[in-house]
C-alpha cells in the first residue's frame, strides 16, 4: 500500500484563506478575504464596491467576524473549533463538516454563544436541510451590532 503524501493544490479563490494556511482566521482576516473576493453585489439598486466595507452589511460581518475571533481565544476554542476528520487539522466550528450528532450539538452551542454576544440570529448553509438543487441562502438577521473585543 502506497503512503499518502501531501499535495499542494492551487488557490481557487481568496475566500477563507490567510497568509499562513495552518492558522485559523481572525475577524480581520475574514474582512480582508471579503475584500480580495470582490463579489458583484447590489444593495437598494446600487452596486457595492466592497462587501467588507459596506455599512449595510457591518452588523452581519461583525457577527461572522466574532466567530473567527472566538475560535482564536483559549476560553472558547473547545467549542468554536473542531478537528476535521479528513485532514486532522483544527478548523473553525462553523465551517467544519459535521460527522456526528455531537458536531451538530456543538455547532448549535457555538451559534447560541455568538447570538448572545451579538444579538444576531444566523442560519448557516452547512446545516440547512433542503431538496437537491435548491439554492442555499446565507441569512443573517441582526438586531444589534455590538461586538466584544
C-alpha atoms as a PDB file:
ATOM      1  CA  UNK A   1       0.000   0.000   0.000  1.00  0.00           C
ATOM      2  CA  UNK A   2       1.431   3.391  -1.003  1.00  0.00           C
ATOM      3  CA  UNK A   3       1.546   6.006   1.787  1.00  0.00           C
ATOM      4  CA  UNK A   4      -0.466   9.161   1.266  1.00  0.00           C
ATOM      5  CA  UNK A   5       1.509  12.315   0.572  1.00  0.00           C
ATOM      6  CA  UNK A   6       0.639  15.935   0.847  1.00  0.00           C
ATOM      7  CA  UNK A   7      -0.492  17.557  -2.388  1.00  0.00           C
ATOM      8  CA  UNK A   8      -0.498  21.331  -2.746  1.00  0.00           C
ATOM      9  CA  UNK A   9      -3.470  22.486  -4.796  1.00  0.00           C
ATOM     10  CA  UNK A  10      -3.633  25.943  -6.378  1.00  0.00           C
ATOM     11  CA  UNK A  11      -5.862  28.553  -4.751  1.00  0.00           C
ATOM     12  CA  UNK A  12      -9.248  28.585  -6.411  1.00  0.00           C
ATOM     13  CA  UNK A  13     -10.412  31.771  -4.714  1.00  0.00           C
ATOM     14  CA  UNK A  14      -9.395  34.145  -1.979  1.00  0.00           C
ATOM     15  CA  UNK A  15     -12.197  33.372   0.482  1.00  0.00           C
ATOM     16  CA  UNK A  16     -11.354  31.875   3.855  1.00  0.00           C
ATOM     17  CA  UNK A  17      -7.609  31.998   3.369  1.00  0.00           C
ATOM     18  CA  UNK A  18      -4.873  33.586   5.428  1.00  0.00           C
ATOM     19  CA  UNK A  19      -1.226  34.300   4.721  1.00  0.00           C
ATOM     20  CA  UNK A  20      -0.462  31.299   6.946  1.00  0.00           C
ATOM     21  CA  UNK A  21      -2.704  28.394   5.839  1.00  0.00           C
ATOM     22  CA  UNK A  22      -2.000  26.416   9.019  1.00  0.00           C
ATOM     23  CA  UNK A  23      -3.609  29.073  11.218  1.00  0.00           C
ATOM     24  CA  UNK A  24      -7.202  29.917  11.914  1.00  0.00           C
ATOM     25  CA  UNK A  25      -8.563  33.172  10.526  1.00  0.00           C
ATOM     26  CA  UNK A  26      -9.295  36.215  12.666  1.00  0.00           C
ATOM     27  CA  UNK A  27     -12.117  38.703  12.095  1.00  0.00           C
ATOM     28  CA  UNK A  28      -9.615  40.941  10.298  1.00  0.00           C
ATOM     29  CA  UNK A  29      -8.505  38.033   8.087  1.00  0.00           C
ATOM     30  CA  UNK A  30     -12.184  37.431   7.278  1.00  0.00           C
ATOM     31  CA  UNK A  31     -12.714  41.075   6.284  1.00  0.00           C
ATOM     32  CA  UNK A  32      -9.545  41.003   4.182  1.00  0.00           C
ATOM     33  CA  UNK A  33     -10.750  37.834   2.445  1.00  0.00           C
ATOM     34  CA  UNK A  34     -14.022  39.581   1.591  1.00  0.00           C
ATOM     35  CA  UNK A  35     -12.053  42.464   0.090  1.00  0.00           C
ATOM     36  CA  UNK A  36      -9.986  40.031  -2.043  1.00  0.00           C
ATOM     37  CA  UNK A  37     -13.049  38.104  -3.185  1.00  0.00           C
ATOM     38  CA  UNK A  38     -14.802  41.149  -4.737  1.00  0.00           C
ATOM     39  CA  UNK A  39     -18.245  39.668  -5.450  1.00  0.00           C
ATOM     40  CA  UNK A  40     -20.745  41.601  -7.578  1.00  0.00           C
ATOM     41  CA  UNK A  41     -23.349  42.753  -5.031  1.00  0.00           C
ATOM     42  CA  UNK A  42     -26.191  45.266  -5.149  1.00  0.00           C
ATOM     43  CA  UNK A  43     -27.988  46.963  -2.252  1.00  0.00           C
ATOM     44  CA  UNK A  44     -31.101  49.025  -2.934  1.00  0.00           C
ATOM     45  CA  UNK A  45     -30.267  49.114  -6.637  1.00  0.00           C
ATOM     46  CA  UNK A  46     -26.694  50.365  -6.276  1.00  0.00           C
ATOM     47  CA  UNK A  47     -23.573  48.297  -6.764  1.00  0.00           C
ATOM     48  CA  UNK A  48     -21.457  47.787  -3.642  1.00  0.00           C
ATOM     49  CA  UNK A  49     -17.737  48.466  -4.134  1.00  0.00           C
ATOM     50  CA  UNK A  50     -16.571  46.462  -1.113  1.00  0.00           C
ATOM     51  CA  UNK A  51     -18.753  43.998   0.790  1.00  0.00           C
ATOM     52  CA  UNK A  52     -16.372  44.229   3.763  1.00  0.00           C
ATOM     53  CA  UNK A  53     -16.752  47.997   3.969  1.00  0.00           C
ATOM     54  CA  UNK A  54     -20.460  48.376   3.114  1.00  0.00           C
ATOM     55  CA  UNK A  55     -22.264  49.953   6.064  1.00  0.00           C
ATOM     56  CA  UNK A  56     -25.430  47.919   5.468  1.00  0.00           C
ATOM     57  CA  UNK A  57     -23.506  44.672   5.990  1.00  0.00           C
ATOM     58  CA  UNK A  58     -21.496  45.660   9.080  1.00  0.00           C
ATOM     59  CA  UNK A  59     -23.714  44.022  11.740  1.00  0.00           C
ATOM     60  CA  UNK A  60     -23.575  40.681   9.930  1.00  0.00           C
ATOM     61  CA  UNK A  61     -19.886  40.955   9.109  1.00  0.00           C
ATOM     62  CA  UNK A  62     -19.154  41.828  12.738  1.00  0.00           C
ATOM     63  CA  UNK A  63     -21.125  38.778  13.906  1.00  0.00           C
ATOM     64  CA  UNK A  64     -19.389  36.414  11.491  1.00  0.00           C
ATOM     65  CA  UNK A  65     -16.037  38.016  12.353  1.00  0.00           C
ATOM     66  CA  UNK A  66     -16.690  37.285  16.001  1.00  0.00           C
ATOM     67  CA  UNK A  67     -16.957  33.575  15.189  1.00  0.00           C
ATOM     68  CA  UNK A  68     -13.393  33.725  13.863  1.00  0.00           C
ATOM     69  CA  UNK A  69     -12.064  35.704  16.832  1.00  0.00           C
ATOM     70  CA  UNK A  70     -13.743  33.402  19.359  1.00  0.00           C
ATOM     71  CA  UNK A  71     -12.083  30.385  17.726  1.00  0.00           C
ATOM     72  CA  UNK A  72      -8.717  32.025  18.480  1.00  0.00           C
ATOM     73  CA  UNK A  73      -9.499  32.606  22.176  1.00  0.00           C
ATOM     74  CA  UNK A  74      -8.433  29.855  24.567  1.00  0.00           C
ATOM     75  CA  UNK A  75     -11.659  30.258  26.547  1.00  0.00           C
ATOM     76  CA  UNK A  76     -13.886  29.492  23.543  1.00  0.00           C
ATOM     77  CA  UNK A  77     -11.609  27.286  21.408  1.00  0.00           C
ATOM     78  CA  UNK A  78     -13.035  23.946  22.647  1.00  0.00           C
ATOM     79  CA  UNK A  79     -16.483  25.000  21.422  1.00  0.00           C
ATOM     80  CA  UNK A  80     -15.518  27.180  18.458  1.00  0.00           C
ATOM     81  CA  UNK A  81     -13.049  24.774  16.814  1.00  0.00           C
ATOM     82  CA  UNK A  82     -13.194  21.188  15.611  1.00  0.00           C
ATOM     83  CA  UNK A  83     -10.770  18.655  14.178  1.00  0.00           C
ATOM     84  CA  UNK A  84     -11.592  17.992  10.527  1.00  0.00           C
ATOM     85  CA  UNK A  85     -11.800  14.225  10.083  1.00  0.00           C
ATOM     86  CA  UNK A  86     -10.419  14.315   6.527  1.00  0.00           C
ATOM     87  CA  UNK A  87      -7.232  16.260   7.292  1.00  0.00           C
ATOM     88  CA  UNK A  88      -6.742  16.177  11.059  1.00  0.00           C
ATOM     89  CA  UNK A  89      -6.490  19.982  11.020  1.00  0.00           C
ATOM     90  CA  UNK A  90      -8.164  22.208  13.562  1.00  0.00           C
ATOM     91  CA  UNK A  91     -10.796  24.319  11.810  1.00  0.00           C
ATOM     92  CA  UNK A  92     -13.433  26.845  12.759  1.00  0.00           C
ATOM     93  CA  UNK A  93     -16.517  25.071  14.137  1.00  0.00           C
ATOM     94  CA  UNK A  94     -18.880  26.938  11.818  1.00  0.00           C
ATOM     95  CA  UNK A  95     -17.059  25.838   8.664  1.00  0.00           C
ATOM     96  CA  UNK A  96     -16.484  22.281   9.947  1.00  0.00           C
ATOM     97  CA  UNK A  97     -18.130  19.385   8.101  1.00  0.00           C
ATOM     98  CA  UNK A  98     -20.301  17.662  10.688  1.00  0.00           C
ATOM     99  CA  UNK A  99     -19.777  13.928  11.085  1.00  0.00           C
ATOM    100  CA  UNK A 100     -21.710  13.219  14.271  1.00  0.00           C
ATOM    101  CA  UNK A 101     -24.615  14.357  16.396  1.00  0.00           C
ATOM    102  CA  UNK A 102     -22.008  15.783  18.805  1.00  0.00           C
ATOM    103  CA  UNK A 103     -20.712  18.001  15.998  1.00  0.00           C
ATOM    104  CA  UNK A 104     -24.222  19.298  15.371  1.00  0.00           C
ATOM    105  CA  UNK A 105     -24.825  19.977  19.060  1.00  0.00           C
ATOM    106  CA  UNK A 106     -21.504  21.808  19.364  1.00  0.00           C
ATOM    107  CA  UNK A 107     -22.346  23.913  16.311  1.00  0.00           C
ATOM    108  CA  UNK A 108     -25.708  24.791  17.850  1.00  0.00           C
ATOM    109  CA  UNK A 109     -23.988  25.843  21.085  1.00  0.00           C
ATOM    110  CA  UNK A 110     -21.462  27.902  19.098  1.00  0.00           C
ATOM    111  CA  UNK A 111     -24.288  29.729  17.295  1.00  0.00           C
ATOM    112  CA  UNK A 112     -26.022  30.352  20.635  1.00  0.00           C
ATOM    113  CA  UNK A 113     -22.823  31.846  22.055  1.00  0.00           C
ATOM    114  CA  UNK A 114     -22.420  34.182  19.087  1.00  0.00           C
ATOM    115  CA  UNK A 115     -26.089  35.197  19.291  1.00  0.00           C
ATOM    116  CA  UNK A 116     -25.697  36.040  22.981  1.00  0.00           C
ATOM    117  CA  UNK A 117     -22.747  38.276  22.180  1.00  0.00           C
ATOM    118  CA  UNK A 118     -24.069  39.985  19.050  1.00  0.00           C
ATOM    119  CA  UNK A 119     -27.846  39.843  19.217  1.00  0.00           C
ATOM    120  CA  UNK A 120     -27.825  38.120  15.819  1.00  0.00           C
ATOM    121  CA  UNK A 121     -29.685  35.033  14.686  1.00  0.00           C
ATOM    122  CA  UNK A 122     -27.734  33.318  11.929  1.00  0.00           C
ATOM    123  CA  UNK A 123     -28.537  30.379   9.693  1.00  0.00           C
ATOM    124  CA  UNK A 124     -25.551  28.656   8.137  1.00  0.00           C
ATOM    125  CA  UNK A 125     -25.802  26.893   4.770  1.00  0.00           C
ATOM    126  CA  UNK A 126     -23.945  23.809   6.021  1.00  0.00           C
ATOM    127  CA  UNK A 127     -26.758  22.977   8.444  1.00  0.00           C
ATOM    128  CA  UNK A 128     -29.753  23.719   6.233  1.00  0.00           C
ATOM    129  CA  UNK A 129     -31.787  20.772   5.013  1.00  0.00           C
ATOM    130  CA  UNK A 130     -33.130  21.345   1.505  1.00  0.00           C
ATOM    131  CA  UNK A 131     -34.132  19.292  -1.533  1.00  0.00           C
ATOM    132  CA  UNK A 132     -31.341  18.630  -4.077  1.00  0.00           C
ATOM    133  CA  UNK A 133     -30.532  21.504  -6.464  1.00  0.00           C
ATOM    134  CA  UNK A 134     -32.221  24.057  -4.191  1.00  0.00           C
ATOM    135  CA  UNK A 135     -30.245  27.299  -3.947  1.00  0.00           C
ATOM    136  CA  UNK A 136     -28.832  27.753  -0.463  1.00  0.00           C
ATOM    137  CA  UNK A 137     -29.261  31.175   1.098  1.00  0.00           C
ATOM    138  CA  UNK A 138     -26.951  32.585   3.743  1.00  0.00           C
ATOM    139  CA  UNK A 139     -29.148  34.679   6.013  1.00  0.00           C
ATOM    140  CA  UNK A 140     -28.016  36.972   8.773  1.00  0.00           C
ATOM    141  CA  UNK A 141     -30.569  38.957  10.720  1.00  0.00           C
ATOM    142  CA  UNK A 142     -29.092  41.300  13.263  1.00  0.00           C
ATOM    143  CA  UNK A 143     -30.973  43.076  15.961  1.00  0.00           C
ATOM    144  CA  UNK A 144     -27.847  44.704  17.361  1.00  0.00           C
ATOM    145  CA  UNK A 145     -24.384  45.446  16.060  1.00  0.00           C
ATOM    146  CA  UNK A 146     -22.428  45.161  19.276  1.00  0.00           C
ATOM    147  CA  UNK A 147     -19.231  43.154  19.406  1.00  0.00           C
ATOM    148  CA  UNK A 148     -16.952  42.416  22.303  1.00  0.00           C
ATOM    149  CA  UNK A 149     -13.189  42.778  21.971  1.00  0.00           C
END
